[in-house]
Amino acid sequence: MKISGFTFLRNADRLQFPFVESIRSALPLVDEFVVALGPCDDRTEQMLRAMEEPKLRILPTTWNENLDARHRVKGFVYGQQKSMALFNCTGDWALYLEGDEVLHEEDLPRIRAAMERHLDNPRMEALYFRYLHFYGNQNTVASSPRWYRREVRAVRNNLPIWGPKGLFFSVVEDYKHMRYPRAAFADATVYHYGWVRPEEKYNEKWKETFRGFTRKPFQYLNYADIDPNVLQPFTGTHPKAIQAWLPPAKGLFQANPNYALSRRERKHRWMMQVEKWLGVDWSRKHFIQAD
């Protein structure tokens, strides 16, 4: 069994993504790691090459900056870049990590075991992972129906699979129809650190790329402006690959006590309470659960 890893990057150094740490967390598992690298004005390419990693394969790409506004909606260009990396993978399975996502070394044997278990089962098209979204600092995770709790991060690499957005995958059934892949649980977690980066870097990233997702005007984000009910303490251990990157922190990240909840946040607070009462999960998932 051969396993490919893949991602796409652009100006990841300037925007302070832990992309080197992300790739290193997957290297013990994969036989190759493909990076679709867009045009950069920082040290991203130099940092990749400085890894001197024989498994690493850099694929230079061009970003279409001229998409009509209607077709920039919902991150098409990100799906395009992700798919170009996927299309260059040669493994039986292709494992996708974004530049701020890290695997825990203790999960790698379970991921490999899941891939081996489902290798000869064509019905199982993907593997989904649970998610931990760190918010504000390394001691705090955000969890609500607004924060996806499960997502596909490994796909069988003998299917016509396309990444229509940066986040999820679709199986192409014919020239008119796509659907979510059938997926089994990988029994592993993706550690997401995008919201631990400095607030100014988060906003710099979104100011540059916001037009790739929506035609609405960009609004500066203050990390503290969040529903405190969403924030929970993290009591586990961080992956070894990310520990040196994490800024020191004490205690739970503190939300702004004077922040007025949005209508959407009030809805999610209500949904969280119902989830607690009924023991259900109302967060969205982009796969057909088949295990």
Protein backbone atom coordinates (compact mmCIF):
# COMPACT_ATOMS: atom_id res chain seq x y z
CA MET A 1 0.00 0.00 0.00
CA LYS A 2 1.30 3.44 -0.96
CA ILE A 3 0.14 6.63 0.77
CA SER A 4 0.42 10.14 -0.65
CA GLY A 5 0.14 13.34 1.34
CA PHE A 6 -0.81 16.64 -0.28
CA THR A 7 -1.59 20.30 0.34
CA PHE A 8 -1.51 23.70 -1.37
CA LEU A 9 0.31 26.79 -0.14
CA ARG A 10 0.88 30.43 -0.99
CA ASN A 11 2.76 32.96 1.17
CA ALA A 12 2.43 30.58 4.11
CA ASP A 13 5.57 31.93 5.79
CA ARG A 14 4.47 35.58 5.78
CA LEU A 15 1.04 34.60 7.07
CA GLN A 16 2.64 32.46 9.81
CA PHE A 17 1.10 29.12 8.96
CA PRO A 18 2.81 26.15 10.65
CA PHE A 19 3.12 24.49 7.26
CA VAL A 20 6.51 22.88 7.87
CA GLU A 21 5.23 21.40 11.12
CA SER A 22 2.08 20.21 9.34
CA ILE A 23 4.02 18.39 6.64
CA ARG A 24 6.47 16.90 9.14
CA SER A 25 3.60 15.48 11.18
CA ALA A 26 2.50 13.38 8.18
CA LEU A 27 5.90 12.33 6.80
CA PRO A 28 6.26 9.15 8.90
CA LEU A 29 2.95 7.94 7.45
CA VAL A 30 3.26 8.88 3.76
CA ASP A 31 5.50 7.73 0.91
CA GLU A 32 5.36 11.12 -0.83
CA PHE A 33 4.04 14.59 -0.02
CA VAL A 34 2.88 16.81 -2.89
CA VAL A 35 2.73 20.59 -2.41
CA ALA A 36 0.92 22.73 -4.98
CA LEU A 37 2.88 25.94 -4.46
CA GLY A 38 1.41 29.17 -5.77
CA PRO A 39 3.44 32.34 -6.48
CA CYS A 40 4.94 33.64 -3.22
CA ASP A 41 6.60 36.89 -2.15
CA ASP A 42 8.06 35.38 1.03
CA ARG A 43 10.29 32.47 2.10
CA THR A 44 7.73 29.66 1.74
CA GLU A 45 9.56 27.89 -1.10
CA GLN A 46 12.96 28.30 0.58
CA MET A 47 11.60 26.84 3.80
CA LEU A 48 10.16 23.86 1.95
CA ARG A 49 13.45 23.18 0.19
CA ALA A 50 15.40 23.66 3.42
CA MET A 51 13.56 20.62 4.80
CA GLU A 52 15.73 18.53 2.44
CA GLU A 53 13.01 15.93 2.48
CA PRO A 54 13.19 13.30 -0.29
CA LYS A 55 9.46 12.54 0.05
CA LEU A 56 8.56 16.16 -0.71
CA ARG A 57 7.47 17.05 -4.25
CA ILE A 58 6.85 20.74 -5.06
CA LEU A 59 4.41 21.50 -7.89
CA PRO A 60 4.61 25.17 -9.01
CA THR A 61 1.15 26.52 -9.84
CA THR A 62 -0.46 29.71 -11.10
CA TRP A 63 -3.47 31.28 -9.39
CA ASN A 64 -6.21 32.70 -11.58
CA GLU A 65 -6.67 36.20 -10.18
CA ASN A 66 -9.18 37.17 -12.88
CA LEU A 67 -12.15 34.99 -12.02
CA ASP A 68 -15.43 36.84 -12.34
CA ALA A 69 -16.83 37.78 -8.92
CA ARG A 70 -19.72 35.35 -9.33
CA HIS A 71 -17.29 32.46 -9.75
CA ARG A 72 -14.97 33.50 -6.92
CA VAL A 73 -17.73 32.81 -4.43
CA LYS A 74 -17.18 29.88 -2.06
CA GLY A 75 -13.49 29.37 -2.61
CA PHE A 76 -13.29 27.91 -6.12
CA VAL A 77 -9.62 28.81 -6.57
CA TYR A 78 -8.72 27.00 -3.34
CA GLY A 79 -10.52 23.89 -4.49
CA GLN A 80 -8.70 24.21 -7.81
CA GLN A 81 -5.29 24.34 -6.13
CA LYS A 82 -6.13 21.49 -3.75
CA SER A 83 -7.31 19.37 -6.66
CA MET A 84 -4.14 20.01 -8.68
CA ALA A 85 -2.10 18.64 -5.78
CA LEU A 86 -4.44 15.63 -5.50
CA PHE A 87 -4.21 14.92 -9.22
CA ASN A 88 -0.42 14.57 -8.86
CA CYS A 89 -0.62 12.02 -6.04
CA THR A 90 0.39 8.45 -6.95
CA GLY A 91 -0.59 6.53 -3.80
CA ASP A 92 -3.50 4.19 -3.15
CA TRP A 93 -4.69 6.73 -0.57
CA ALA A 94 -4.22 10.50 -0.61
CA LEU A 95 -4.06 12.28 2.74
CA TYR A 96 -4.88 16.00 2.72
CA LEU A 97 -3.69 18.50 5.33
CA GLU A 98 -4.11 22.25 5.17
CA GLY A 99 -1.15 24.40 6.17
CA ASP A 100 -2.46 24.89 9.72
CA GLU A 101 -3.50 21.27 10.36
CA VAL A 102 -1.30 18.79 12.22
CA LEU A 103 -1.49 15.06 13.00
CA HIS A 104 -0.59 13.59 16.36
CA GLU A 105 2.16 10.99 16.22
CA GLU A 106 0.05 8.64 18.37
CA ASP A 107 -2.66 8.59 15.69
CA LEU A 108 -0.45 7.59 12.76
CA PRO A 109 -0.65 3.80 13.36
CA ARG A 110 -4.45 4.02 13.57
CA ILE A 111 -4.65 5.96 10.32
CA ARG A 112 -2.48 3.39 8.55
CA ALA A 113 -4.55 0.55 10.01
CA ALA A 114 -7.78 2.15 8.74
CA MET A 115 -6.29 2.55 5.27
CA GLU A 116 -5.14 -1.07 5.22
CA ARG A 117 -8.50 -2.29 6.53
CA HIS A 118 -10.48 -0.54 3.80
CA LEU A 119 -7.95 -0.83 0.95
CA ASP A 120 -9.79 -3.67 -0.78
CA ASN A 121 -13.27 -2.37 -0.03
CA PRO A 122 -14.26 -0.17 -2.99
CA ARG A 123 -17.42 0.94 -1.21
CA MET A 124 -15.31 2.89 1.29
CA GLU A 125 -14.13 5.95 -0.63
CA ALA A 126 -12.68 8.12 2.12
CA LEU A 127 -11.72 8.39 5.78
CA TYR A 128 -13.03 11.08 8.09
CA PHE A 129 -11.26 12.52 11.14
CA ARG A 130 -12.47 14.22 14.29
CA TYR A 131 -11.35 17.84 14.69
CA LEU A 132 -9.92 20.02 17.44
CA HIS A 133 -10.06 23.74 16.58
CA PHE A 134 -7.66 25.63 18.84
CA TYR A 135 -8.76 29.18 19.43
CA GLY A 136 -6.75 32.13 20.75
CA ASN A 137 -4.14 29.99 22.46
CA GLN A 138 -2.94 26.42 22.82
CA ASN A 139 -5.10 25.77 25.91
CA THR A 140 -8.47 26.54 24.31
CA VAL A 141 -10.63 24.75 21.74
CA ALA A 142 -13.78 26.07 20.07
CA SER A 143 -16.68 23.68 19.71
CA SER A 144 -20.23 24.31 18.49
CA PRO A 145 -22.32 23.44 15.41
CA ARG A 146 -20.51 26.32 13.67
CA TRP A 147 -17.14 24.51 14.08
CA TYR A 148 -17.03 21.34 11.99
CA ARG A 149 -16.27 18.42 14.27
CA ARG A 150 -15.60 15.79 11.61
CA GLU A 151 -14.20 16.07 8.10
CA VAL A 152 -12.73 13.90 5.33
CA ARG A 153 -8.96 14.13 5.13
CA ALA A 154 -8.06 10.94 3.22
CA VAL A 155 -9.53 9.80 -0.09
CA ARG A 156 -9.12 6.70 -2.20
CA ASN A 157 -6.92 7.71 -5.12
CA ASN A 158 -8.53 5.64 -7.89
CA LEU A 159 -11.76 7.64 -8.09
CA PRO A 160 -12.77 10.83 -9.94
CA ILE A 161 -12.63 13.05 -6.85
CA TRP A 162 -12.67 16.84 -7.02
CA GLY A 163 -12.19 19.51 -4.36
CA PRO A 164 -14.90 22.07 -5.19
CA LYS A 165 -13.92 24.17 -2.16
CA GLY A 166 -10.91 24.36 0.09
CA LEU A 167 -12.63 22.32 2.80
CA PHE A 168 -14.28 19.19 1.37
CA PHE A 169 -14.29 16.65 -1.48
CA SER A 170 -16.88 15.44 -3.98
CA VAL A 171 -17.05 12.24 -6.03
CA VAL A 172 -17.88 12.92 -9.70
CA GLU A 173 -20.53 10.44 -10.82
CA ASP A 174 -21.09 11.83 -14.31
CA TYR A 175 -20.88 15.14 -16.12
CA LYS A 176 -23.91 16.48 -14.25
CA HIS A 177 -23.70 14.98 -10.80
CA MET A 178 -21.37 15.01 -7.80
CA ARG A 179 -21.88 13.71 -4.27
CA TYR A 180 -20.09 13.48 -0.96
CA PRO A 181 -17.81 10.43 -0.60
CA ARG A 182 -18.76 7.41 1.50
CA ALA A 183 -16.41 7.50 4.46
CA ALA A 184 -15.27 5.45 7.45
CA PHE A 185 -13.81 6.82 10.66
CA ALA A 186 -10.01 6.96 10.72
CA ASP A 187 -10.01 6.85 14.54
CA ALA A 188 -7.74 9.90 14.52
CA THR A 189 -7.81 13.65 15.10
CA VAL A 190 -6.78 16.66 13.06
CA TYR A 191 -5.35 19.43 15.25
CA HIS A 192 -6.25 22.77 13.66
CA TYR A 193 -4.11 25.78 14.68
CA GLY A 194 -5.23 28.49 12.27
CA TRP A 195 -6.85 30.50 15.06
CA VAL A 196 -3.71 30.39 17.23
CA ARG A 197 -1.74 32.51 14.78
CA PRO A 198 -1.39 36.20 15.73
CA GLU A 199 -4.65 38.03 15.17
CA GLU A 200 -3.06 40.47 12.72
CA LYS A 201 -1.79 37.56 10.59
CA TYR A 202 -5.22 35.95 10.54
CA ASN A 203 -6.72 39.20 9.32
CA GLU A 204 -3.92 39.79 6.81
CA LYS A 205 -4.60 36.38 5.33
CA TRP A 206 -8.33 36.97 5.06
CA LYS A 207 -7.95 40.47 3.71
CA GLU A 208 -5.88 39.03 0.84
CA THR A 209 -8.04 35.99 0.18
CA PHE A 210 -11.52 37.04 1.29
CA ARG A 211 -12.63 37.72 -2.25
CA GLY A 212 -12.04 34.04 -2.97
CA PHE A 213 -14.96 33.14 -0.73
CA THR A 214 -17.52 35.94 -0.86
CA ARG A 215 -18.42 39.27 -2.42
CA LYS A 216 -19.19 40.78 0.98
CA PRO A 217 -16.79 43.48 2.25
CA PHE A 218 -14.01 42.33 4.57
CA GLN A 219 -14.48 43.00 8.27
CA TYR A 220 -11.56 42.91 10.72
CA LEU A 221 -11.88 40.07 13.23
CA ASN A 222 -11.14 40.45 16.92
CA TYR A 223 -10.46 37.02 18.47
CA ALA A 224 -12.10 38.11 21.74
CA ASP A 225 -15.43 38.77 19.99
CA ILE A 226 -16.81 35.26 20.38
CA ASP A 227 -19.46 33.47 22.40
CA PRO A 228 -17.65 32.33 25.59
CA ASN A 229 -19.88 29.23 25.72
CA VAL A 230 -18.05 27.95 22.63
CA LEU A 231 -14.64 27.95 24.35
CA GLN A 232 -13.51 24.84 26.21
CA PRO A 233 -10.25 23.90 27.97
CA PHE A 234 -7.88 21.53 26.19
CA THR A 235 -6.54 18.85 28.51
CA GLY A 236 -4.68 16.59 26.10
CA THR A 237 -1.21 16.75 24.57
CA HIS A 238 -0.24 18.60 21.42
CA PRO A 239 1.53 16.75 18.59
CA LYS A 240 5.31 16.80 18.99
CA ALA A 241 5.65 18.39 15.53
CA ILE A 242 3.86 21.58 16.64
CA GLN A 243 5.03 22.04 20.22
CA ALA A 244 8.00 24.33 19.47
CA TRP A 245 5.81 26.52 17.23
CA LEU A 246 3.09 27.18 19.80
CA PRO A 247 3.24 30.52 21.67
CA PRO A 248 3.34 30.16 25.48
CA ALA A 249 -0.04 30.61 27.15
CA LYS A 250 -1.68 30.33 30.55
CA GLY A 251 -5.28 29.36 31.10
CA LEU A 252 -8.32 29.58 28.89
CA PHE A 253 -8.50 32.27 26.20
CA GLN A 254 -10.72 35.07 27.50
CA ALA A 255 -13.66 36.25 25.41
CA ASN A 256 -14.78 39.88 25.49
CA PRO A 257 -17.39 40.05 28.33
CA ASN A 258 -19.15 42.96 26.58
CA TYR A 259 -19.44 41.24 23.21
CA ALA A 260 -23.02 41.13 21.85
CA LEU A 261 -23.81 37.77 20.29
CA SER A 262 -24.84 37.73 16.65
CA ARG A 263 -28.09 36.16 15.56
CA ARG A 264 -26.14 33.18 14.23
CA GLU A 265 -24.27 32.75 17.52
CA ARG A 266 -27.53 32.85 19.48
CA LYS A 267 -28.88 30.12 17.21
CA HIS A 268 -25.76 28.01 17.73
CA ARG A 269 -25.95 28.49 21.51
CA TRP A 270 -29.50 27.13 21.41
CA MET A 271 -28.40 24.22 19.20
CA MET A 272 -25.58 23.39 21.64
CA GLN A 273 -28.09 23.13 24.46
CA VAL A 274 -30.33 20.81 22.45
CA GLU A 275 -27.28 18.71 21.49
CA LYS A 276 -26.52 18.33 25.18
CA TRP A 277 -30.09 17.33 26.02
CA LEU A 278 -30.49 14.82 23.17
CA GLY A 279 -26.90 13.61 22.75
CA VAL A 280 -26.81 14.54 19.06
CA ASP A 281 -24.34 16.35 16.82
CA TRP A 282 -25.78 19.05 14.58
CA SER A 283 -22.49 20.20 13.06
CA ARG A 284 -22.34 19.86 9.30
CA LYS A 285 -20.46 16.98 7.71
CA HIS A 286 -19.35 16.70 4.08
CA PHE A 287 -19.44 12.92 3.74
CA ILE A 288 -21.80 9.94 3.79
CA GLN A 289 -21.05 8.00 6.95
CA ALA A 290 -20.63 4.37 5.91
CA ASP A 291 -19.00 2.69 8.90
